[in-house]
Amino acid sequence: MAPIRPLIEKLDFIPDKQHWGMPFRRGLFEISGRDFDRIAKAMRAEV
């Protein structure tokens, strides 16, 4: 688990940083490899 707040400004799939939860309301969506890596690093995942 990782806190979202430090990542909001860095994630490309969140265009409106004030309403960062909106992309998640659509259900499934694709994210870039760069965003995947950022999230994995924040979670300290081994990829």
N, C-alpha and C. Protein backbone atom coordinates (compact mmCIF):
# COMPACT_ATOMS: atom_id res chain seq x y z
N MET A 1 0.83 -1.17 0.00
CA MET A 1 0.00 0.00 0.00
C MET A 1 0.89 1.24 0.00
N ALA A 2 0.41 2.29 -0.66
CA ALA A 2 1.17 3.54 -0.72
C ALA A 2 0.19 4.72 -0.69
N PRO A 3 0.54 5.80 -0.04
CA PRO A 3 -0.34 6.97 -0.03
C PRO A 3 -0.40 7.61 -1.42
N ILE A 4 -1.58 8.07 -1.81
CA ILE A 4 -1.77 8.65 -3.14
C ILE A 4 -1.31 10.10 -3.22
N ARG A 5 -1.48 10.85 -2.16
CA ARG A 5 -1.20 12.30 -2.19
C ARG A 5 0.19 12.65 -2.76
N PRO A 6 1.27 11.98 -2.33
CA PRO A 6 2.58 12.34 -2.90
C PRO A 6 2.71 12.01 -4.39
N LEU A 7 1.86 11.14 -4.91
CA LEU A 7 1.95 10.73 -6.31
C LEU A 7 1.10 11.57 -7.26
N ILE A 8 0.09 12.23 -6.77
CA ILE A 8 -0.89 12.91 -7.63
C ILE A 8 -0.22 13.80 -8.67
N GLU A 9 0.70 14.64 -8.26
CA GLU A 9 1.34 15.58 -9.19
C GLU A 9 2.22 14.87 -10.22
N LYS A 10 2.66 13.67 -9.93
CA LYS A 10 3.59 12.96 -10.80
C LYS A 10 2.91 12.04 -11.81
N LEU A 11 1.65 11.66 -11.57
CA LEU A 11 0.99 10.67 -12.43
C LEU A 11 0.35 11.33 -13.65
N ASP A 12 0.71 10.82 -14.82
CA ASP A 12 0.21 11.39 -16.08
C ASP A 12 -1.26 11.10 -16.33
N PHE A 13 -1.78 10.00 -15.79
CA PHE A 13 -3.18 9.66 -16.08
C PHE A 13 -4.18 10.48 -15.27
N ILE A 14 -3.68 11.37 -14.42
CA ILE A 14 -4.54 12.27 -13.64
C ILE A 14 -4.40 13.67 -14.22
N PRO A 15 -5.26 14.04 -15.16
CA PRO A 15 -5.12 15.37 -15.80
C PRO A 15 -5.53 16.52 -14.89
N ASP A 16 -6.54 16.33 -14.06
CA ASP A 16 -7.03 17.38 -13.17
C ASP A 16 -6.62 17.02 -11.76
N LYS A 17 -5.55 17.61 -11.29
CA LYS A 17 -4.96 17.24 -10.01
C LYS A 17 -5.87 17.55 -8.83
N GLN A 18 -6.79 18.51 -8.97
CA GLN A 18 -7.72 18.82 -7.89
C GLN A 18 -8.80 17.76 -7.75
N HIS A 19 -9.14 17.12 -8.85
CA HIS A 19 -10.17 16.07 -8.87
C HIS A 19 -9.53 14.74 -9.25
N TRP A 20 -8.50 14.37 -8.50
CA TRP A 20 -7.67 13.23 -8.85
C TRP A 20 -8.42 11.91 -8.85
N GLY A 21 -9.53 11.81 -8.19
CA GLY A 21 -10.27 10.55 -8.12
C GLY A 21 -11.11 10.24 -9.34
N MET A 22 -11.32 11.21 -10.21
CA MET A 22 -12.20 11.01 -11.37
C MET A 22 -11.77 9.86 -12.29
N PRO A 23 -10.50 9.68 -12.61
CA PRO A 23 -10.15 8.56 -13.50
C PRO A 23 -10.59 7.21 -12.95
N PHE A 24 -10.62 7.07 -11.64
CA PHE A 24 -10.98 5.79 -11.02
C PHE A 24 -12.48 5.49 -11.12
N ARG A 25 -13.28 6.49 -11.38
CA ARG A 25 -14.73 6.29 -11.49
C ARG A 25 -15.12 5.61 -12.80
N ARG A 26 -14.20 5.63 -13.78
CA ARG A 26 -14.49 5.02 -15.08
C ARG A 26 -14.35 3.51 -15.05
N GLY A 27 -13.79 2.97 -14.00
CA GLY A 27 -13.55 1.53 -13.95
C GLY A 27 -12.16 1.23 -14.44
N LEU A 28 -12.02 0.29 -15.35
CA LEU A 28 -10.71 -0.07 -15.88
C LEU A 28 -10.21 0.97 -16.86
N PHE A 29 -8.92 1.26 -16.79
CA PHE A 29 -8.30 2.18 -17.73
C PHE A 29 -6.82 1.86 -17.82
N GLU A 30 -6.21 2.26 -18.90
CA GLU A 30 -4.81 1.97 -19.13
C GLU A 30 -3.94 3.09 -18.58
N ILE A 31 -2.79 2.71 -18.01
CA ILE A 31 -1.83 3.70 -17.56
C ILE A 31 -0.50 3.46 -18.29
N SER A 32 0.32 4.47 -18.33
CA SER A 32 1.60 4.35 -19.02
C SER A 32 2.57 3.51 -18.19
N GLY A 33 3.60 3.02 -18.84
CA GLY A 33 4.64 2.29 -18.14
C GLY A 33 5.34 3.16 -17.11
N ARG A 34 5.46 4.43 -17.44
CA ARG A 34 6.10 5.38 -16.51
C ARG A 34 5.28 5.52 -15.24
N ASP A 35 3.95 5.66 -15.38
CA ASP A 35 3.09 5.74 -14.21
C ASP A 35 3.12 4.43 -13.42
N PHE A 36 3.13 3.31 -14.13
CA PHE A 36 3.21 2.01 -13.47
C PHE A 36 4.47 1.93 -12.61
N ASP A 37 5.59 2.36 -13.17
CA ASP A 37 6.85 2.33 -12.44
C ASP A 37 6.82 3.24 -11.21
N ARG A 38 6.22 4.41 -11.35
CA ARG A 38 6.11 5.33 -10.22
C ARG A 38 5.29 4.73 -9.08
N ILE A 39 4.18 4.11 -9.44
CA ILE A 39 3.31 3.50 -8.44
C ILE A 39 4.01 2.32 -7.78
N ALA A 40 4.65 1.48 -8.60
CA ALA A 40 5.37 0.31 -8.07
C ALA A 40 6.48 0.74 -7.12
N LYS A 41 7.20 1.78 -7.47
CA LYS A 41 8.28 2.28 -6.61
C LYS A 41 7.72 2.78 -5.29
N ALA A 42 6.59 3.52 -5.35
CA ALA A 42 5.96 4.03 -4.13
C ALA A 42 5.50 2.88 -3.23
N MET A 43 5.10 1.78 -3.85
CA MET A 43 4.64 0.61 -3.09
C MET A 43 5.80 -0.29 -2.67
N ARG A 44 7.00 0.06 -3.10
CA ARG A 44 8.19 -0.76 -2.84
C ARG A 44 8.01 -2.18 -3.38
N ALA A 45 7.41 -2.25 -4.56
CA ALA A 45 7.16 -3.55 -5.19
C ALA A 45 8.40 -4.01 -5.94
N GLU A 46 8.56 -5.29 -6.04
CA GLU A 46 9.63 -5.87 -6.85
C GLU A 46 9.06 -6.21 -8.21
N VAL A 47 9.50 -5.48 -9.23
CA VAL A 47 8.99 -5.71 -10.59
C VAL A 47 10.07 -6.18 -11.51
